[in-house]
Amino acid sequence: MSTYRNPVLNADWSDPDVIRVGDDFYLTVSTFTKVPGLPILHSRDLVNWTIIGHGVTSGYDDVRPGCGVWAPSLRHHDGRFWIFWGDPDVGIRWVSAADPRGPWSEPHVVKPGVGLIDPCPLWDDDGQAYLVHGWARSRAGVNNRLTVNRMAPDGSGVLDEGTLVIDADLLPGYRTLEGPKLYKRDGAYWIFAPAGGVEQGWQSVFRAESVFGPYEDRIVLAQGGTDVNGPHQGGWVDTPSGEHWFMHFQDRGPYGRVVHLQPMRWNGGWPVMGADGEPVAEAPVPVPGGEPAAPAASDDFAGPDLGMQWSWQANPDPSWWSVGEGKLRLACVPGPEDLRERPSVLGQRLPGEPCAVTTRLTLEGEGRAGLAVVGDTAAYVGLERAGDETVLVCGDMDPVSVQGPVTVGARIGDGALVTFFADTGDGPCQVGAPFQATQGRWVGAVLGLFAAGDGAGQAIFEAFTVDIER
């Protein structure tokens, strides 16, 4: 019998939700202000995943850390896929599609308001529809509570003011109750919701005979004696054979929120996750026979589009880039000097295990460009050109004059310590001082490519390669 090891998605796939439609599993995650957002992942066994599309293709025009697309819920109803999420500055929104690969509808606001987050719909057996959500203290002034609304079955809007169904301030030891997922099983209503914060929290479930409560609670997954801190916030899914599983995240700082898969069974009317409520390191693959797969990381830039692993830090302008024939061309466009604030940084998730990243870089005309690691702090290795001289730069190192293309790269070691290197023709050599990658605002660090300047120059990247060290 084949087994898997956790995490099954070892990178920043934050706040995952998962469903099964027939023999296929689909998953989506938070993306905040990254564009495109709401990636759609597909699997046949809950272990091997690939990216097949995105639910949203636009966002903010500037970088706004911690804003945008918060924890989503993915559902399939009436022949369509639905993704609900909370934008804490706008309200609860959704998109839908007949095909998870798209096209997806334009976002629709089902419940406007500030501080409304982490929504999840439920279409009941009698045709009624409901919506549960949490609250963000940073906007609403309150949190640690869950509200349920009646919702129009077509998702056009909510039908009442909402009912406070769980006030966790009244539950001993509870804090930061959020991320609810609403289900119905055997006539009972279930809210799966994490509490305690992302770094040290746990997963609870709540059960009631009415969707409006009263609910009784139980903690069903916690770190216990394992090294999996804060195991919580995810989705419950079953397999075609009738087994039950729970996917959740673990916060790993600069690596972001990596995704674990826990076996789940029912005992005495309550779910039991992992090994008697503690995360497992490995287990049998839920659906045997699947082909090994993982979200793309390397990119040969064959075109005509960017690989689905890439996203911009805010809305992109089509003039920023072109791709094809093995080359990504980035225009050296104006923007903030600080890479953390620059919309035109093209990034992808930092792998959750040691790896080496390389790309071949040519700088034509004036400007600067390079390979960066961006979180709450940022650093890069790259090229700068002013006048007739092109130089290799990295942190505080003395610039080195170069001619022609240069291979630049980074090795990300244990603890996300980054060592940059470059090859100007004599083999790869370390450049600059080691850099400690850091998490961003509720996200892990990203590997980024950028080009900056007054628009006169362009950077050409070839063969972006990510080699995982097993």
Protein backbone atom coordinates (compact mmCIF):
# COMPACT_ATOMS: atom_id res chain seq x y z
CA MET A 1 0.00 0.00 0.00
CA SER A 2 1.42 3.38 -1.02
CA THR A 3 1.79 6.07 1.62
CA TYR A 4 2.25 9.84 1.60
CA ARG A 5 4.14 12.17 3.90
CA ASN A 6 2.95 15.54 5.18
CA PRO A 7 2.90 18.27 4.14
CA VAL A 8 1.31 17.30 0.82
CA LEU A 9 1.66 20.90 -0.43
CA ASN A 10 4.96 22.13 0.95
CA ALA A 11 4.73 25.85 0.20
CA ASP A 12 2.48 28.79 1.02
CA TRP A 13 -0.98 27.45 0.11
CA SER A 14 -2.75 29.47 2.76
CA ASP A 15 -6.22 28.76 4.23
CA PRO A 16 -7.05 25.79 1.95
CA ASP A 17 -10.53 24.56 1.16
CA VAL A 18 -11.20 21.36 -0.74
CA ILE A 19 -14.13 19.58 -2.39
CA ARG A 20 -14.75 16.44 -4.43
CA VAL A 21 -16.80 16.39 -7.63
CA GLY A 22 -17.12 12.85 -8.93
CA ASP A 23 -13.65 11.33 -8.88
CA ASP A 24 -11.88 14.69 -8.92
CA PHE A 25 -10.70 16.86 -6.03
CA TYR A 26 -10.34 20.63 -6.23
CA LEU A 27 -8.67 23.07 -3.85
CA THR A 28 -8.28 26.82 -3.57
CA VAL A 29 -6.46 29.13 -1.16
CA SER A 30 -6.07 32.74 0.00
CA THR A 31 -4.03 35.04 -2.22
CA PHE A 32 -4.59 38.51 -0.70
CA THR A 33 -3.61 41.07 -3.40
CA LYS A 34 -1.65 38.77 -5.70
CA VAL A 35 -2.79 38.75 -9.34
CA PRO A 36 -4.04 36.38 -10.59
CA GLY A 37 -5.61 35.12 -7.38
CA LEU A 38 -7.57 32.16 -6.06
CA PRO A 39 -5.58 29.41 -7.79
CA ILE A 40 -7.56 26.27 -8.59
CA LEU A 41 -5.67 23.05 -7.90
CA HIS A 42 -6.75 19.60 -9.10
CA SER A 43 -5.98 16.11 -7.79
CA ARG A 44 -7.22 12.57 -8.17
CA ASP A 45 -5.90 11.33 -4.81
CA LEU A 46 -5.65 14.36 -2.41
CA VAL A 47 -1.84 14.00 -2.43
CA ASN A 48 -0.64 14.93 -5.93
CA TRP A 49 -1.83 18.37 -7.08
CA THR A 50 -1.49 20.59 -10.16
CA ILE A 51 -2.64 24.16 -10.85
CA ILE A 52 -5.36 24.35 -13.50
CA GLY A 53 -6.60 27.95 -13.30
CA HIS A 54 -7.44 31.01 -11.21
CA GLY A 55 -10.73 32.34 -9.89
CA VAL A 56 -9.84 36.05 -10.11
CA THR A 57 -7.65 37.89 -12.59
CA SER A 58 -7.52 41.42 -11.16
CA GLY A 59 -7.20 43.16 -7.83
CA TYR A 60 -5.59 46.34 -6.51
CA ASP A 61 -3.43 48.71 -8.55
CA ASP A 62 -0.92 49.07 -5.71
CA VAL A 63 0.57 46.65 -3.20
CA ARG A 64 -1.56 46.39 -0.05
CA PRO A 65 -0.17 43.72 2.29
CA GLY A 66 -2.85 41.85 4.21
CA CYS A 67 -5.73 43.10 2.02
CA GLY A 68 -7.76 41.51 -0.76
CA VAL A 69 -8.66 37.83 -0.92
CA TRP A 70 -8.90 36.30 2.55
CA ALA A 71 -9.76 32.68 3.40
CA PRO A 72 -12.01 31.27 0.64
CA SER A 73 -14.58 28.48 0.54
CA LEU A 74 -14.93 26.30 -2.55
CA ARG A 75 -18.26 24.58 -3.29
CA HIS A 76 -20.07 22.82 -6.16
CA HIS A 77 -23.79 23.50 -6.46
CA ASP A 78 -26.36 23.35 -9.24
CA GLY A 79 -23.77 22.34 -11.82
CA ARG A 80 -21.39 25.20 -11.01
CA PHE A 81 -18.28 25.78 -8.94
CA TRP A 82 -18.47 28.62 -6.43
CA ILE A 83 -15.74 30.39 -4.47
CA PHE A 84 -16.77 32.68 -1.61
CA TRP A 85 -14.21 34.85 0.18
CA GLY A 86 -14.07 37.85 2.44
CA ASP A 87 -12.42 41.09 1.42
CA PRO A 88 -12.18 42.82 4.83
CA ASP A 89 -12.46 46.27 3.23
CA VAL A 90 -15.37 45.46 0.90
CA GLY A 91 -17.43 42.53 2.17
CA ILE A 92 -18.18 38.95 1.18
CA ARG A 93 -17.73 38.19 -2.51
CA TRP A 94 -18.04 35.21 -4.81
CA VAL A 95 -17.20 34.03 -8.31
CA SER A 96 -18.61 31.01 -10.13
CA ALA A 97 -17.85 28.87 -13.17
CA ALA A 98 -19.19 25.82 -14.96
CA ASP A 99 -15.62 24.58 -15.48
CA PRO A 100 -13.01 24.99 -12.71
CA ARG A 101 -10.46 25.90 -15.37
CA GLY A 102 -12.62 28.93 -16.16
CA PRO A 103 -13.81 31.28 -17.32
CA TRP A 104 -14.98 32.52 -13.93
CA SER A 105 -17.60 35.19 -13.43
CA GLU A 106 -16.78 38.69 -12.29
CA PRO A 107 -16.76 39.00 -8.47
CA HIS A 108 -20.16 39.66 -6.91
CA VAL A 109 -20.66 41.18 -3.45
CA VAL A 110 -23.22 39.06 -1.61
CA LYS A 111 -22.89 40.87 1.73
CA PRO A 112 -21.21 44.28 1.83
CA GLY A 113 -19.49 45.45 4.98
CA VAL A 114 -16.16 46.14 6.63
CA GLY A 115 -14.53 43.34 8.63
CA LEU A 116 -16.58 40.47 7.18
CA ILE A 117 -14.24 37.54 6.55
CA ASP A 118 -13.94 33.77 6.05
CA PRO A 119 -17.38 33.06 4.53
CA CYS A 120 -18.83 29.68 3.64
CA PRO A 121 -22.17 28.95 1.95
CA LEU A 122 -24.48 25.97 2.47
CA TRP A 123 -27.29 25.01 0.13
CA ASP A 124 -29.67 22.94 2.26
CA ASP A 125 -31.75 19.92 1.25
CA ASP A 126 -34.98 21.97 1.24
CA GLY A 127 -33.66 24.58 -1.20
CA GLN A 128 -32.78 27.16 1.44
CA ALA A 129 -29.31 28.68 1.46
CA TYR A 130 -27.17 30.00 4.30
CA LEU A 131 -23.90 31.87 4.72
CA VAL A 132 -21.60 31.74 7.74
CA HIS A 133 -18.71 34.17 8.28
CA GLY A 134 -16.26 35.47 10.85
CA TRP A 135 -15.14 38.95 11.84
CA ALA A 136 -11.82 40.82 11.58
CA ARG A 137 -11.09 42.89 14.68
CA SER A 138 -8.77 45.15 12.64
CA ARG A 139 -11.79 46.44 10.68
CA ALA A 140 -14.92 45.54 12.65
CA GLY A 141 -13.61 46.04 16.17
CA VAL A 142 -14.73 42.51 17.16
CA ASN A 143 -13.70 38.94 16.41
CA ASN A 144 -13.94 35.50 18.01
CA ARG A 145 -17.53 35.06 16.85
CA LEU A 146 -19.42 33.54 13.93
CA THR A 147 -22.55 34.84 12.19
CA VAL A 148 -25.03 32.98 9.97
CA ASN A 149 -27.23 34.71 7.37
CA ARG A 150 -30.04 33.38 5.26
CA MET A 151 -28.89 33.76 1.65
CA ALA A 152 -30.76 33.90 -1.64
CA PRO A 153 -30.24 30.51 -3.33
CA ASP A 154 -28.71 32.22 -6.36
CA GLY A 155 -26.18 34.00 -4.16
CA SER A 156 -27.48 37.43 -5.15
CA GLY A 157 -27.61 38.64 -1.57
CA VAL A 158 -28.32 37.85 2.05
CA LEU A 159 -31.93 37.88 3.27
CA ASP A 160 -31.56 39.00 6.89
CA GLU A 161 -29.31 40.91 9.27
CA GLY A 162 -27.57 37.74 10.43
CA THR A 163 -27.63 35.71 13.63
CA LEU A 164 -24.71 35.43 16.04
CA VAL A 165 -24.52 31.64 16.36
CA ILE A 166 -21.22 31.25 18.24
CA ASP A 167 -19.77 33.84 20.61
CA ALA A 168 -16.43 32.29 21.52
CA ASP A 169 -15.82 34.95 24.17
CA LEU A 170 -18.21 32.79 26.21
CA LEU A 171 -16.20 29.59 25.61
CA PRO A 172 -13.38 28.99 28.13
CA GLY A 173 -9.93 29.31 26.56
CA TYR A 174 -11.16 30.38 23.11
CA ARG A 175 -9.64 33.25 21.18
CA THR A 176 -9.59 34.19 17.49
CA LEU A 177 -12.33 31.82 16.34
CA GLU A 178 -12.41 32.21 12.54
CA GLY A 179 -12.27 30.36 9.22
CA PRO A 180 -15.65 28.57 9.50
CA LYS A 181 -16.76 25.88 7.05
CA LEU A 182 -20.46 24.95 7.12
CA TYR A 183 -21.64 21.39 6.40
CA LYS A 184 -24.67 19.18 6.91
CA ARG A 185 -24.44 15.47 7.76
CA ASP A 186 -27.13 13.05 8.92
CA GLY A 187 -29.54 15.90 9.59
CA ALA A 188 -27.12 17.84 11.81
CA TYR A 189 -25.37 21.12 10.98
CA TRP A 190 -21.63 21.31 11.44
CA ILE A 191 -19.28 24.28 11.58
CA PHE A 192 -15.60 23.35 11.33
CA ALA A 193 -13.63 26.35 12.63
CA PRO A 194 -10.10 26.98 13.91
CA ALA A 195 -9.21 29.03 16.98
CA GLY A 196 -6.18 30.11 18.96
CA GLY A 197 -4.24 31.83 16.18
CA VAL A 198 -2.33 30.47 13.21
CA GLU A 199 0.93 29.72 15.01
CA GLN A 200 -0.35 27.90 18.10
CA GLY A 201 -4.04 27.23 17.47
CA TRP A 202 -6.23 24.18 17.05
CA GLN A 203 -9.21 22.89 15.07
CA SER A 204 -12.67 22.77 16.62
CA VAL A 205 -16.00 21.53 15.32
CA PHE A 206 -19.46 22.70 16.36
CA ARG A 207 -22.68 20.64 16.06
CA ALA A 208 -26.34 21.69 16.16
CA GLU A 209 -29.77 20.46 15.10
CA SER A 210 -30.57 23.90 13.63
CA VAL A 211 -28.29 25.97 11.44
CA PHE A 212 -28.88 28.83 13.89
CA GLY A 213 -27.83 26.74 16.91
CA PRO A 214 -27.41 26.22 19.76
CA TYR A 215 -24.03 24.63 18.96
CA GLU A 216 -21.93 22.35 21.13
CA ASP A 217 -18.19 22.28 20.52
CA ARG A 218 -15.25 19.93 20.61
CA ILE A 219 -11.53 20.32 19.83
CA VAL A 220 -10.68 17.64 17.25
CA LEU A 221 -7.10 18.45 16.14
CA ALA A 222 -4.21 19.98 18.10
CA GLN A 223 -0.42 19.84 18.09
CA GLY A 224 -0.14 17.58 21.10
CA GLY A 225 3.22 15.79 21.12
CA THR A 226 3.96 16.46 17.43
CA ASP A 227 6.05 19.15 15.75
CA VAL A 228 3.06 20.41 13.71
CA ASN A 229 2.24 23.74 15.34
CA GLY A 230 -1.20 25.30 15.04
CA PRO A 231 -2.84 22.59 12.91
CA HIS A 232 -6.11 24.14 11.76
CA GLN A 233 -8.24 25.94 9.16
CA GLY A 234 -9.07 23.79 6.20
CA GLY A 235 -11.73 21.59 4.68
CA TRP A 236 -13.40 18.22 5.17
CA VAL A 237 -13.77 16.00 2.11
CA ASP A 238 -14.71 12.40 1.39
CA THR A 239 -13.43 9.95 -1.24
CA PRO A 240 -15.52 7.98 -3.75
CA SER A 241 -15.07 4.92 -1.51
CA GLY A 242 -16.57 6.77 1.48
CA GLU A 243 -13.46 7.58 3.52
CA HIS A 244 -13.15 10.97 5.21
CA TRP A 245 -10.19 13.36 5.22
CA PHE A 246 -9.32 16.83 6.49
CA MET A 247 -6.88 19.23 4.82
CA HIS A 248 -5.42 22.04 6.93
CA PHE A 249 -2.44 24.33 7.14
CA GLN A 250 0.58 24.71 9.38
CA ASP A 251 2.22 28.13 9.70
CA ARG A 252 5.96 27.84 8.95
CA GLY A 253 7.01 31.49 9.02
CA PRO A 254 8.99 32.40 5.88
CA TYR A 255 7.68 29.29 4.10
CA GLY A 256 4.11 30.39 4.69
CA ARG A 257 1.18 28.08 5.43
CA VAL A 258 1.91 24.58 4.19
CA VAL A 259 -0.89 22.04 3.72
CA HIS A 260 -1.29 18.75 5.59
CA LEU A 261 -3.73 15.91 4.97
CA GLN A 262 -5.26 14.08 7.95
CA PRO A 263 -7.32 10.88 7.95
CA MET A 264 -10.68 11.47 9.61
CA ARG A 265 -13.20 9.05 11.10
CA TRP A 266 -16.42 9.38 13.05
CA ASN A 267 -16.78 8.17 16.62
CA GLY A 268 -19.81 8.77 18.81
CA GLY A 269 -21.21 11.31 16.38
CA TRP A 270 -18.03 13.44 16.30
CA PRO A 271 -15.11 13.53 13.86
CA VAL A 272 -11.71 12.27 15.00
CA MET A 273 -8.79 13.68 12.99
CA GLY A 274 -5.26 12.40 12.55
CA ALA A 275 -4.07 9.98 15.21
CA ASP A 276 -6.65 10.47 17.96
CA GLY A 277 -6.63 14.21 17.48
CA GLU A 278 -2.95 14.78 16.70
CA PRO A 279 -1.46 15.34 13.21
CA VAL A 280 0.05 12.35 11.43
CA ALA A 281 3.37 12.47 9.62
CA GLU A 282 2.30 9.88 7.04
CA ALA A 283 -0.66 7.71 6.10
CA PRO A 284 -1.94 5.55 3.23
CA VAL A 285 -2.74 7.48 0.06
CA PRO A 286 -6.53 8.10 0.06
CA VAL A 287 -7.05 6.98 -3.55
CA PRO A 288 -4.31 4.56 -4.69
CA GLY A 289 -2.90 4.56 -8.19
CA GLY A 290 -2.38 8.26 -8.78
CA GLU A 291 0.48 9.68 -10.80
CA PRO A 292 3.12 11.77 -8.99
CA ALA A 293 2.48 15.48 -9.51
CA ALA A 294 3.16 18.83 -7.88
CA PRO A 295 2.38 22.48 -8.64
CA ALA A 296 4.80 23.79 -11.26
CA ALA A 297 7.84 25.75 -10.11
CA SER A 298 10.42 25.72 -12.94
CA ASP A 299 9.52 27.51 -16.16
CA ASP A 300 11.11 27.27 -19.61
CA PHE A 301 9.21 30.39 -20.75
CA ALA A 302 7.97 28.64 -23.87
CA GLY A 303 4.82 30.81 -23.79
CA PRO A 304 2.41 31.98 -24.98
CA ASP A 305 1.40 32.66 -21.36
CA LEU A 306 3.16 32.76 -18.03
CA GLY A 307 3.10 29.55 -16.03
CA MET A 308 0.19 29.34 -13.59
CA GLN A 309 2.58 29.38 -10.62
CA TRP A 310 3.40 33.06 -11.23
CA SER A 311 1.58 36.08 -9.85
CA TRP A 312 2.17 39.83 -9.69
CA GLN A 313 2.14 41.82 -6.47
CA ALA A 314 -0.75 43.95 -7.82
CA ASN A 315 -2.59 44.48 -11.08
CA PRO A 316 -0.15 44.09 -14.00
CA ASP A 317 0.09 46.25 -17.09
CA PRO A 318 0.41 44.17 -20.31
CA SER A 319 3.34 46.36 -21.34
CA TRP A 320 5.41 45.01 -18.47
CA TRP A 321 6.11 41.61 -19.96
CA SER A 322 6.13 39.19 -22.86
CA VAL A 323 7.00 35.50 -22.91
CA GLY A 324 7.82 32.94 -25.56
CA GLU A 325 10.58 31.02 -27.32
CA GLY A 326 12.34 30.34 -24.03
CA LYS A 327 12.53 33.94 -22.86
CA LEU A 328 10.67 36.14 -20.40
CA ARG A 329 11.12 39.81 -21.20
CA LEU A 330 10.41 42.31 -18.43
CA ALA A 331 10.42 46.02 -19.18
CA CYS A 332 12.45 48.16 -16.77
CA VAL A 333 9.41 50.14 -15.64
CA PRO A 334 9.18 52.90 -13.03
CA GLY A 335 7.88 52.13 -9.56
CA PRO A 336 8.84 52.09 -5.89
CA GLU A 337 12.50 51.31 -5.25
CA ASP A 338 11.43 48.98 -2.43
CA LEU A 339 10.64 45.61 -4.00
CA ARG A 340 8.04 44.95 -1.31
CA GLU A 341 6.00 47.87 -2.66
CA ARG A 342 6.54 47.30 -6.38
CA PRO A 343 3.50 45.88 -8.27
CA SER A 344 5.70 44.68 -11.15
CA VAL A 345 7.52 41.99 -9.16
CA LEU A 346 6.60 38.62 -10.68
CA GLY A 347 6.67 36.00 -7.96
CA GLN A 348 5.97 32.44 -6.97
CA ARG A 349 5.87 30.56 -3.68
CA LEU A 350 9.07 29.76 -1.84
CA PRO A 351 9.46 25.96 -1.61
CA GLY A 352 9.14 24.61 1.91
CA GLU A 353 12.33 22.58 1.71
CA PRO A 354 15.93 23.34 0.71
CA CYS A 355 16.31 24.15 -2.98
CA ALA A 356 18.44 25.91 -5.55
CA VAL A 357 16.99 28.45 -7.98
CA THR A 358 18.73 29.68 -11.14
CA THR A 359 17.93 31.79 -14.17
CA ARG A 360 19.98 33.32 -16.97
CA LEU A 361 19.72 37.10 -17.10
CA THR A 362 20.56 39.64 -19.79
CA LEU A 363 20.04 43.38 -19.27
CA GLU A 364 19.52 45.49 -22.38
CA GLY A 365 19.56 49.25 -21.94
CA GLU A 366 19.55 51.14 -18.67
CA GLY A 367 17.89 49.86 -15.52
CA ARG A 368 18.26 47.10 -12.95
CA ALA A 369 16.85 43.59 -12.80
CA GLY A 370 17.31 40.39 -10.92
CA LEU A 371 16.20 37.42 -8.88
CA ALA A 372 14.76 38.40 -5.50
CA VAL A 373 13.43 36.85 -2.31
CA VAL A 374 10.67 39.07 -0.97
CA GLY A 375 8.81 38.93 2.34
CA ASP A 376 8.71 41.46 5.16
CA THR A 377 12.31 42.03 4.07
CA ALA A 378 13.79 41.69 0.58
CA ALA A 379 17.11 41.05 -1.13
CA TYR A 380 18.22 40.24 -4.66
CA VAL A 381 21.06 39.36 -6.99
CA GLY A 382 21.03 40.98 -10.40
CA LEU A 383 22.40 43.40 -12.93
CA GLU A 384 22.44 47.19 -13.13
CA ARG A 385 23.32 49.34 -16.08
CA ALA A 386 23.89 53.07 -16.34
CA GLY A 387 25.56 54.37 -19.47
CA ASP A 388 27.83 51.80 -21.08
CA GLU A 389 28.67 49.64 -18.05
CA THR A 390 26.68 46.68 -16.74
CA VAL A 391 27.53 45.47 -13.23
CA LEU A 392 26.61 42.52 -11.06
CA VAL A 393 25.11 43.60 -7.72
CA CYS A 394 23.96 41.86 -4.55
CA GLY A 395 23.40 43.61 -1.25
CA ASP A 396 26.48 45.43 0.04
CA MET A 397 28.96 43.73 -2.28
CA ASP A 398 31.15 45.87 -4.51
CA PRO A 399 29.67 45.95 -8.04
CA VAL A 400 31.46 43.73 -10.56
CA SER A 401 31.61 44.73 -14.23
CA VAL A 402 30.21 42.03 -16.56
CA GLN A 403 29.68 41.46 -20.25
CA GLY A 404 26.68 39.68 -21.69
CA PRO A 405 24.34 37.20 -19.98
CA VAL A 406 24.92 36.14 -16.37
CA THR A 407 23.42 33.15 -14.57
CA VAL A 408 22.09 34.30 -11.21
CA GLY A 409 20.68 32.11 -8.50
CA ALA A 410 19.99 31.42 -4.88
CA ARG A 411 20.21 28.45 -2.57
CA ILE A 412 17.55 28.43 0.11
CA GLY A 413 18.79 26.30 2.98
CA ASP A 414 17.33 25.12 6.27
CA GLY A 415 15.35 27.80 8.05
CA ALA A 416 14.97 29.73 4.76
CA LEU A 417 18.52 31.12 4.88
CA VAL A 418 19.29 32.43 1.38
CA THR A 419 22.71 32.38 -0.25
CA PHE A 420 22.89 34.20 -3.57
CA PHE A 421 25.32 33.19 -6.30
CA ALA A 422 26.24 34.16 -9.83
CA ASP A 423 28.11 32.68 -12.78
CA THR A 424 29.76 35.17 -15.11
CA GLY A 425 31.53 32.47 -17.10
CA ASP A 426 33.93 30.94 -14.61
CA GLY A 427 31.42 28.85 -12.65
CA PRO A 428 28.97 29.76 -9.90
CA CYS A 429 30.33 31.76 -6.96
CA GLN A 430 28.62 33.09 -3.84
CA VAL A 431 27.90 36.81 -3.94
CA GLY A 432 26.84 39.08 -1.12
CA ALA A 433 26.12 38.07 2.46
CA PRO A 434 23.58 35.37 3.38
CA PHE A 435 20.05 36.70 3.74
CA GLN A 436 17.38 35.44 6.13
CA ALA A 437 14.08 35.17 4.29
CA THR A 438 11.09 36.39 6.28
CA GLN A 439 7.34 35.99 5.99
CA GLY A 440 5.18 38.82 4.71
CA ARG A 441 1.78 39.97 5.93
CA TRP A 442 0.09 36.57 6.48
CA VAL A 443 2.04 35.10 3.56
CA GLY A 444 5.34 33.33 3.10
CA ALA A 445 8.27 34.80 1.24
CA VAL A 446 8.25 34.61 -2.56
CA LEU A 447 10.83 34.05 -5.26
CA GLY A 448 10.59 37.07 -7.53
CA LEU A 449 11.81 38.37 -10.87
CA PHE A 450 11.83 42.10 -11.50
CA ALA A 451 13.05 44.86 -13.80
CA ALA A 452 13.12 48.52 -12.80
CA GLY A 453 14.03 51.77 -14.49
CA ASP A 454 12.63 54.60 -16.57
CA GLY A 455 11.23 52.29 -19.25
CA ALA A 456 14.15 52.44 -21.65
CA GLY A 457 15.68 49.07 -20.78
CA GLN A 458 14.51 45.50 -20.61
CA ALA A 459 15.59 42.33 -18.81
CA ILE A 460 15.60 38.94 -20.49
CA PHE A 461 15.25 35.88 -18.27
CA GLU A 462 15.85 32.34 -19.55
CA ALA A 463 15.28 28.91 -18.04
CA PHE A 464 13.98 29.58 -14.54
CA THR A 465 14.84 26.37 -12.68
CA VAL A 466 13.92 25.24 -9.18
CA ASP A 467 15.77 22.14 -7.97
CA ILE A 468 14.46 20.66 -4.71
CA GLU A 469 17.09 19.01 -2.53
CA ARG A 470 15.62 15.70 -1.43
